[in-house]
PDB file of N, CA and C in Angstrom:
ATOM      1  N   MET A   1     111.073  81.210 152.033  1.00  0.00           N
ATOM      2  CA  MET A   1     111.324  81.553 150.663  1.00  0.00           C
ATOM      3  C   MET A   1     110.217  81.091 149.753  1.00  0.00           C
ATOM      4  N   SER A   2     109.943  81.892 148.685  1.00  0.00           N
ATOM      5  CA  SER A   2     108.888  81.489 147.767  1.00  0.00           C
ATOM      6  C   SER A   2     109.467  80.477 146.713  1.00  0.00           C
ATOM      7  N   PRO A   3     108.574  79.644 146.273  1.00  0.00           N
ATOM      8  CA  PRO A   3     109.065  78.663 145.305  1.00  0.00           C
ATOM      9  C   PRO A   3     109.415  79.335 143.947  1.00  0.00           C
ATOM     10  N   ALA A   4     110.319  78.760 143.176  1.00  0.00           N
ATOM     11  CA  ALA A   4     110.704  79.309 141.965  1.00  0.00           C
ATOM     12  C   ALA A   4     109.650  79.177 140.927  1.00  0.00           C
ATOM     13  N   PRO A   5     109.298  80.132 140.106  1.00  0.00           N
ATOM     14  CA  PRO A   5     108.210  80.007 139.145  1.00  0.00           C
ATOM     15  C   PRO A   5     108.512  78.854 138.087  1.00  0.00           C
ATOM     16  N   ARG A   6     107.459  78.254 137.729  1.00  0.00           N
ATOM     17  CA  ARG A   6     107.596  77.084 136.755  1.00  0.00           C
ATOM     18  C   ARG A   6     107.794  77.693 135.367  1.00  0.00           C
ATOM     19  N   PRO A   7     108.366  76.866 134.493  1.00  0.00           N
ATOM     20  CA  PRO A   7     108.694  77.298 133.201  1.00  0.00           C
ATOM     21  C   PRO A   7     107.383  77.750 132.433  1.00  0.00           C
ATOM     22  N   ALA A   8     106.236  77.054 132.716  1.00  0.00           N
ATOM     23  CA  ALA A   8     104.986  77.523 132.080  1.00  0.00           C
ATOM     24  C   ALA A   8     104.519  78.952 132.520  1.00  0.00           C
ATOM     25  N   ALA A   9     104.805  79.248 133.769  1.00  0.00           N
ATOM     26  CA  ALA A   9     104.470  80.591 134.223  1.00  0.00           C
ATOM     27  C   ALA A   9     105.352  81.629 133.578  1.00  0.00           C
ATOM     28  N   TRP A  10     106.767  81.289 133.375  1.00  0.00           N
ATOM     29  CA  TRP A  10     107.574  82.267 132.687  1.00  0.00           C
ATOM     30  C   TRP A  10     107.155  82.396 131.230  1.00  0.00           C
ATOM     31  N   ALA A  11     106.690  81.379 130.594  1.00  0.00           N
ATOM     32  CA  ALA A  11     106.267  81.460 129.202  1.00  0.00           C
ATOM     33  C   ALA A  11     105.018  82.347 129.077  1.00  0.00           C
ATOM     34  N   LEU A  12     104.159  82.184 130.027  1.00  0.00           N
ATOM     35  CA  LEU A  12     102.915  83.022 130.117  1.00  0.00           C
ATOM     36  C   LEU A  12     103.283  84.458 130.350  1.00  0.00           C
ATOM     37  N   LEU A  13     104.174  84.706 131.247  1.00  0.00           N
ATOM     38  CA  LEU A  13     104.603  86.093 131.537  1.00  0.00           C
ATOM     39  C   LEU A  13     105.240  86.764 130.218  1.00  0.00           C
ATOM     40  N   LEU A  14     105.931  85.954 129.527  1.00  0.00           N
ATOM     41  CA  LEU A  14     106.589  86.551 128.285  1.00  0.00           C
ATOM     42  C   LEU A  14     105.682  86.655 127.086  1.00  0.00           C
ATOM     43  N   LEU A  15     104.800  85.659 126.996  1.00  0.00           N
ATOM     44  CA  LEU A  15     103.915  85.521 125.864  1.00  0.00           C
ATOM     45  C   LEU A  15     102.696  86.458 125.979  1.00  0.00           C
ATOM     46  N   ALA A  16     102.121  86.739 127.093  1.00  0.00           N
ATOM     47  CA  ALA A  16     100.985  87.573 127.262  1.00  0.00           C
ATOM     48  C   ALA A  16     101.232  88.941 126.801  1.00  0.00           C
ATOM     49  N   PRO A  17     102.299  89.690 127.142  1.00  0.00           N
ATOM     50  CA  PRO A  17     102.494  91.053 126.637  1.00  0.00           C
ATOM     51  C   PRO A  17     102.740  91.016 125.103  1.00  0.00           C
ATOM     52  N   ALA A  18     103.364  90.052 124.644  1.00  0.00           N
ATOM     53  CA  ALA A  18     103.634  89.924 123.197  1.00  0.00           C
ATOM     54  C   ALA A  18     102.339  89.760 122.402  1.00  0.00           C
ATOM     55  N   LEU A  19     101.468  88.900 122.959  1.00  0.00           N
ATOM     56  CA  LEU A  19     100.140  88.689 122.375  1.00  0.00           C
ATOM     57  C   LEU A  19      99.328  89.938 122.379  1.00  0.00           C
ATOM     58  N   LEU A  20      99.325  90.653 123.535  1.00  0.00           N
ATOM     59  CA  LEU A  20      98.568  91.944 123.598  1.00  0.00           C
ATOM     60  C   LEU A  20      99.077  92.976 122.673  1.00  0.00           C
ATOM     61  N   LEU A  21     100.463  93.054 122.475  1.00  0.00           N
ATOM     62  CA  LEU A  21     100.950  94.093 121.562  1.00  0.00           C
ATOM     63  C   LEU A  21     100.623  93.664 120.153  1.00  0.00           C
ATOM     64  N   LEU A  22     100.612  92.349 119.830  1.00  0.00           N
ATOM     65  CA  LEU A  22     100.193  91.927 118.485  1.00  0.00           C
ATOM     66  C   LEU A  22      98.765  92.181 118.191  1.00  0.00           C
ATOM     67  N   LEU A  23      97.908  92.020 119.155  1.00  0.00           N
ATOM     68  CA  LEU A  23      96.455  92.335 118.952  1.00  0.00           C
ATOM     69  C   LEU A  23      96.278  93.796 118.887  1.00  0.00           C
ATOM     70  N   ALA A  24      96.987  94.604 119.634  1.00  0.00           N
ATOM     71  CA  ALA A  24      96.713  95.996 119.612  1.00  0.00           C
ATOM     72  C   ALA A  24      97.312  96.640 118.224  1.00  0.00           C
ATOM     73  N   SER A  25      98.204  96.028 117.690  1.00  0.00           N
ATOM     74  CA  SER A  25      98.732  96.440 116.326  1.00  0.00           C
ATOM     75  C   SER A  25      97.862  96.169 115.187  1.00  0.00           C
ATOM     76  N   CYS A  26      96.996  95.196 115.400  1.00  0.00           N
ATOM     77  CA  CYS A  26      96.124  94.806 114.263  1.00  0.00           C
ATOM     78  C   CYS A  26      95.036  95.918 114.037  1.00  0.00           C
ATOM     79  N   GLY A  27      94.890  96.329 112.884  1.00  0.00           N
ATOM     80  CA  GLY A  27      93.893  97.360 112.573  1.00  0.00           C
ATOM     81  C   GLY A  27      92.601  96.644 112.165  1.00  0.00           C
ATOM     82  N   SER A  28      91.596  97.499 111.921  1.00  0.00           N
ATOM     83  CA  SER A  28      90.286  96.939 111.527  1.00  0.00           C
ATOM     84  C   SER A  28      90.240  96.568 109.988  1.00  0.00           C
ATOM     85  N   GLY A  29      91.374  96.936 109.362  1.00  0.00           N
ATOM     86  CA  GLY A  29      91.391  96.624 107.907  1.00  0.00           C
ATOM     87  C   GLY A  29      90.920  97.839 107.091  1.00  0.00           C
ATOM     88  N   ARG A  30      90.420  98.901 107.789  1.00  0.00           N
ATOM     89  CA  ARG A  30      89.950 100.081 107.064  1.00  0.00           C
ATOM     90  C   ARG A  30      91.097 101.108 107.031  1.00  0.00           C
ATOM     91  N   HIS A  31      91.360 101.782 105.956  1.00  0.00           N
ATOM     92  CA  HIS A  31      92.345 102.748 105.910  1.00  0.00           C
ATOM     93  C   HIS A  31      91.642 104.083 105.799  1.00  0.00           C
ATOM     94  N   ALA A  32      92.379 105.083 106.242  1.00  0.00           N
ATOM     95  CA  ALA A  32      91.810 106.448 106.323  1.00  0.00           C
ATOM     96  C   ALA A  32      91.963 107.103 104.940  1.00  0.00           C
ATOM     97  N   THR A  33      91.300 106.671 103.959  1.00  0.00           N
ATOM     98  CA  THR A  33      91.340 107.251 102.644  1.00  0.00           C
ATOM     99  C   THR A  33      90.025 107.863 102.279  1.00  0.00           C
ATOM    100  N   ARG A  34      90.014 108.785 101.420  1.00  0.00           N
ATOM    101  CA  ARG A  34      88.745 109.413 101.095  1.00  0.00           C
ATOM    102  C   ARG A  34      88.465 108.999  99.599  1.00  0.00           C
ATOM    103  N   GLU A  35      87.233 109.019  99.296  1.00  0.00           N
ATOM    104  CA  GLU A  35      86.764 108.693  97.928  1.00  0.00           C
ATOM    105  C   GLU A  35      87.069 109.869  96.954  1.00  0.00           C
ATOM    106  N   LEU A  36      87.506 109.557  95.719  1.00  0.00           N
ATOM    107  CA  LEU A  36      87.725 110.623  94.760  1.00  0.00           C
ATOM    108  C   LEU A  36      86.394 111.100  94.212  1.00  0.00           C
ATOM    109  N   THR A  37      86.343 112.367  93.849  1.00  0.00           N
ATOM    110  CA  THR A  37      85.123 112.868  93.154  1.00  0.00           C
ATOM    111  C   THR A  37      85.259 112.358  91.763  1.00  0.00           C
ATOM    112  N   GLU A  38      84.149 112.537  91.010  1.00  0.00           N
ATOM    113  CA  GLU A  38      84.056 112.118  89.590  1.00  0.00           C
ATOM    114  C   GLU A  38      85.033 112.939  88.848  1.00  0.00           C
ATOM    115  N   ARG A  39      85.172 114.244  89.130  1.00  0.00           N
ATOM    116  CA  ARG A  39      86.077 115.100  88.444  1.00  0.00           C
ATOM    117  C   ARG A  39      87.605 114.600  88.623  1.00  0.00           C
ATOM    118  N   GLU A  40      87.863 114.234  89.894  1.00  0.00           N
ATOM    119  CA  GLU A  40      89.213 113.795  90.170  1.00  0.00           C
ATOM    120  C   GLU A  40      89.490 112.431  89.493  1.00  0.00           C
ATOM    121  N   ARG A  41      88.557 111.526  89.444  1.00  0.00           N
ATOM    122  CA  ARG A  41      88.816 110.234  88.711  1.00  0.00           C
ATOM    123  C   ARG A  41      88.968 110.474  87.284  1.00  0.00           C
ATOM    124  N   ASP A  42      88.181 111.339  86.619  1.00  0.00           N
ATOM    125  CA  ASP A  42      88.240 111.725  85.318  1.00  0.00           C
ATOM    126  C   ASP A  42      89.691 112.327  84.931  1.00  0.00           C
ATOM    127  N   SER A  43      90.088 113.207  85.858  1.00  0.00           N
ATOM    128  CA  SER A  43      91.394 113.814  85.676  1.00  0.00           C
ATOM    129  C   SER A  43      92.467 112.792  85.689  1.00  0.00           C
ATOM    130  N   VAL A  44      92.411 111.867  86.619  1.00  0.00           N
ATOM    131  CA  VAL A  44      93.439 110.780  86.651  1.00  0.00           C
ATOM    132  C   VAL A  44      93.409 109.976  85.366  1.00  0.00           C
ATOM    133  N   ILE A  45      92.268 109.680  84.889  1.00  0.00           N
ATOM    134  CA  ILE A  45      92.108 108.894  83.623  1.00  0.00           C
ATOM    135  C   ILE A  45      92.748 109.735  82.478  1.00  0.00           C
ATOM    136  N   ALA A  46      92.404 111.024  82.453  1.00  0.00           N
ATOM    137  CA  ALA A  46      92.866 111.866  81.343  1.00  0.00           C
ATOM    138  C   ALA A  46      94.371 111.868  81.278  1.00  0.00           C
ATOM    139  N   ARG A  47      95.098 111.803  82.422  1.00  0.00           N
ATOM    140  CA  ARG A  47      96.509 111.937  82.477  1.00  0.00           C
ATOM    141  C   ARG A  47      97.184 110.499  82.317  1.00  0.00           C
ATOM    142  N   SER A  48      96.398 109.457  82.189  1.00  0.00           N
ATOM    143  CA  SER A  48      96.953 108.095  82.085  1.00  0.00           C
ATOM    144  C   SER A  48      97.243 107.712  80.619  1.00  0.00           C
ATOM    145  N   SER A  49      97.799 106.600  80.388  1.00  0.00           N
ATOM    146  CA  SER A  49      98.100 106.147  79.040  1.00  0.00           C
ATOM    147  C   SER A  49      97.034 105.231  78.532  1.00  0.00           C
ATOM    148  N   LEU A  50      95.854 105.182  79.066  1.00  0.00           N
ATOM    149  CA  LEU A  50      94.783 104.349  78.649  1.00  0.00           C
ATOM    150  C   LEU A  50      94.214 104.799  77.356  1.00  0.00           C
ATOM    151  N   PRO A  51      93.729 103.824  76.501  1.00  0.00           N
ATOM    152  CA  PRO A  51      93.087 104.204  75.273  1.00  0.00           C
ATOM    153  C   PRO A  51      91.980 105.148  75.561  1.00  0.00           C
ATOM    154  N   GLY A  52      91.848 106.224  74.883  1.00  0.00           N
ATOM    155  CA  GLY A  52      90.665 107.145  74.993  1.00  0.00           C
ATOM    156  C   GLY A  52      91.013 108.169  76.097  1.00  0.00           C
ATOM    157  N   ALA A  53      92.064 108.137  76.693  1.00  0.00           N
ATOM    158  CA  ALA A  53      92.402 109.100  77.816  1.00  0.00           C
ATOM    159  C   ALA A  53      92.370 110.536  77.289  1.00  0.00           C
ATOM    160  N   ALA A  54      92.861 110.722  76.075  1.00  0.00           N
ATOM    161  CA  ALA A  54      92.944 112.102  75.517  1.00  0.00           C
ATOM    162  C   ALA A  54      91.499 112.551  75.268  1.00  0.00           C
ATOM    163  N   VAL A  55      90.603 111.725  74.913  1.00  0.00           N
ATOM    164  CA  VAL A  55      89.253 112.162  74.776  1.00  0.00           C
ATOM    165  C   VAL A  55      88.679 112.658  76.138  1.00  0.00           C
ATOM    166  N   VAL A  56      88.888 111.929  77.159  1.00  0.00           N
ATOM    167  CA  VAL A  56      88.415 112.363  78.455  1.00  0.00           C
ATOM    168  C   VAL A  56      89.071 113.693  78.775  1.00  0.00           C
ATOM    169  N   GLY A  57      90.366 113.893  78.541  1.00  0.00           N
ATOM    170  CA  GLY A  57      90.993 115.179  78.767  1.00  0.00           C
ATOM    171  C   GLY A  57      90.341 116.334  78.037  1.00  0.00           C
ATOM    172  N   ARG A  58      90.011 116.108  76.705  1.00  0.00           N
ATOM    173  CA  ARG A  58      89.300 117.176  75.971  1.00  0.00           C
ATOM    174  C   ARG A  58      87.978 117.344  76.433  1.00  0.00           C
ATOM    175  N   ALA A  59      87.329 116.355  76.877  1.00  0.00           N
ATOM    176  CA  ALA A  59      85.973 116.542  77.451  1.00  0.00           C
ATOM    177  C   ALA A  59      86.006 117.443  78.772  1.00  0.00           C
ATOM    178  N   LEU A  60      87.026 117.141  79.551  1.00  0.00           N
ATOM    179  CA  LEU A  60      87.179 117.958  80.763  1.00  0.00           C
ATOM    180  C   LEU A  60      87.406 119.408  80.425  1.00  0.00           C
ATOM    181  N   ALA A  61      88.280 119.582  79.404  1.00  0.00           N
ATOM    182  CA  ALA A  61      88.594 120.960  78.930  1.00  0.00           C
ATOM    183  C   ALA A  61      87.353 121.643  78.514  1.00  0.00           C
ATOM    184  N   VAL A  62      86.468 121.048  77.694  1.00  0.00           N
ATOM    185  CA  VAL A  62      85.290 121.608  77.218  1.00  0.00           C
ATOM    186  C   VAL A  62      84.350 121.926  78.370  1.00  0.00           C
ATOM    187  N   SER A  63      84.256 121.052  79.336  1.00  0.00           N
ATOM    188  CA  SER A  63      83.485 121.234  80.531  1.00  0.00           C
ATOM    189  C   SER A  63      83.873 122.454  81.257  1.00  0.00           C
ATOM    190  N   ASP A  64      85.250 122.616  81.366  1.00  0.00           N
ATOM    191  CA  ASP A  64      85.742 123.782  82.136  1.00  0.00           C
ATOM    192  C   ASP A  64      85.413 125.056  81.394  1.00  0.00           C
ATOM    193  N   ARG A  65      85.532 125.042  80.012  1.00  0.00           N
ATOM    194  CA  ARG A  65      85.242 126.266  79.260  1.00  0.00           C
ATOM    195  C   ARG A  65      83.722 126.654  79.422  1.00  0.00           C
ATOM    196  N   MET A  66      82.908 125.612  79.368  1.00  0.00           N
ATOM    197  CA  MET A  66      81.468 125.887  79.494  1.00  0.00           C
ATOM    198  C   MET A  66      81.085 126.354  80.843  1.00  0.00           C
ATOM    199  N   GLU A  67      81.849 125.951  81.895  1.00  0.00           N
ATOM    200  CA  GLU A  67      81.594 126.350  83.260  1.00  0.00           C
ATOM    201  C   GLU A  67      82.031 127.797  83.366  1.00  0.00           C
ATOM    202  N   ARG A  68      83.174 128.150  82.825  1.00  0.00           N
ATOM    203  CA  ARG A  68      83.660 129.506  82.856  1.00  0.00           C
ATOM    204  C   ARG A  68      82.655 130.503  82.036  1.00  0.00           C
ATOM    205  N   ARG A  69      82.096 130.003  80.947  1.00  0.00           N
ATOM    206  CA  ARG A  69      81.251 130.838  80.145  1.00  0.00           C
ATOM    207  C   ARG A  69      79.920 130.976  80.937  1.00  0.00           C
ATOM    208  N   ALA A  70      79.496 129.941  81.570  1.00  0.00           N
ATOM    209  CA  ALA A  70      78.246 130.176  82.357  1.00  0.00           C
ATOM    210  C   ALA A  70      78.406 131.113  83.569  1.00  0.00           C
ATOM    211  N   THR A  71      79.545 131.056  84.180  1.00  0.00           N
ATOM    212  CA  THR A  71      79.926 131.900  85.216  1.00  0.00           C
ATOM    213  C   THR A  71      79.987 133.348  84.729  1.00  0.00           C
ATOM    214  N   ASN A  72      80.517 133.557  83.566  1.00  0.00           N
ATOM    215  CA  ASN A  72      80.677 134.928  82.967  1.00  0.00           C
ATOM    216  C   ASN A  72      79.195 135.460  82.693  1.00  0.00           C
ATOM    217  N   MET A  73      78.400 134.571  82.120  1.00  0.00           N
ATOM    218  CA  MET A  73      77.027 134.924  81.824  1.00  0.00           C
ATOM    219  C   MET A  73      76.249 135.291  83.048  1.00  0.00           C
ATOM    220  N   ASP A  74      76.412 134.622  84.127  1.00  0.00           N
ATOM    221  CA  ASP A  74      75.783 134.907  85.399  1.00  0.00           C
ATOM    222  C   ASP A  74      76.210 136.240  85.905  1.00  0.00           C
ATOM    223  N   SER A  75      77.503 136.561  85.764  1.00  0.00           N
ATOM    224  CA  SER A  75      78.081 137.782  86.377  1.00  0.00           C
ATOM    225  C   SER A  75      77.652 139.002  85.521  1.00  0.00           C
ATOM    226  N   LEU A  76      77.250 138.861  84.188  1.00  0.00           N
ATOM    227  CA  LEU A  76      76.768 139.918  83.364  1.00  0.00           C
ATOM    228  C   LEU A  76      75.466 140.509  83.829  1.00  0.00           C
ATOM    229  N   GLY A  77      74.625 139.614  84.372  1.00  0.00           N
ATOM    230  CA  GLY A  77      73.325 140.038  84.847  1.00  0.00           C
ATOM    231  C   GLY A  77      73.300 140.837  86.192  1.00  0.00           C
ATOM    232  N   ARG A  78      74.423 140.906  86.817  1.00  0.00           N
ATOM    233  CA  ARG A  78      74.419 141.562  88.094  1.00  0.00           C
ATOM    234  C   ARG A  78      74.797 143.050  87.918  1.00  0.00           C
TER     235      ARG A  78
END
């Protein structure tokens, strides 16, 4: 007959898988997020209740109008 395992061996058999599972679940600390573009950040600010947010919103609206105007001007030349 084989000798009965010692309590330390049982502890190692139970602790090793738990430790491996714990280490495997630890991430690198980096999250899969993407950076916001300048336009997206400005849009978030414009919708916030920060002081001056309305001005940012109006600036975005003017920028959009100017972009549409430039696109229309470009399409006239074709």
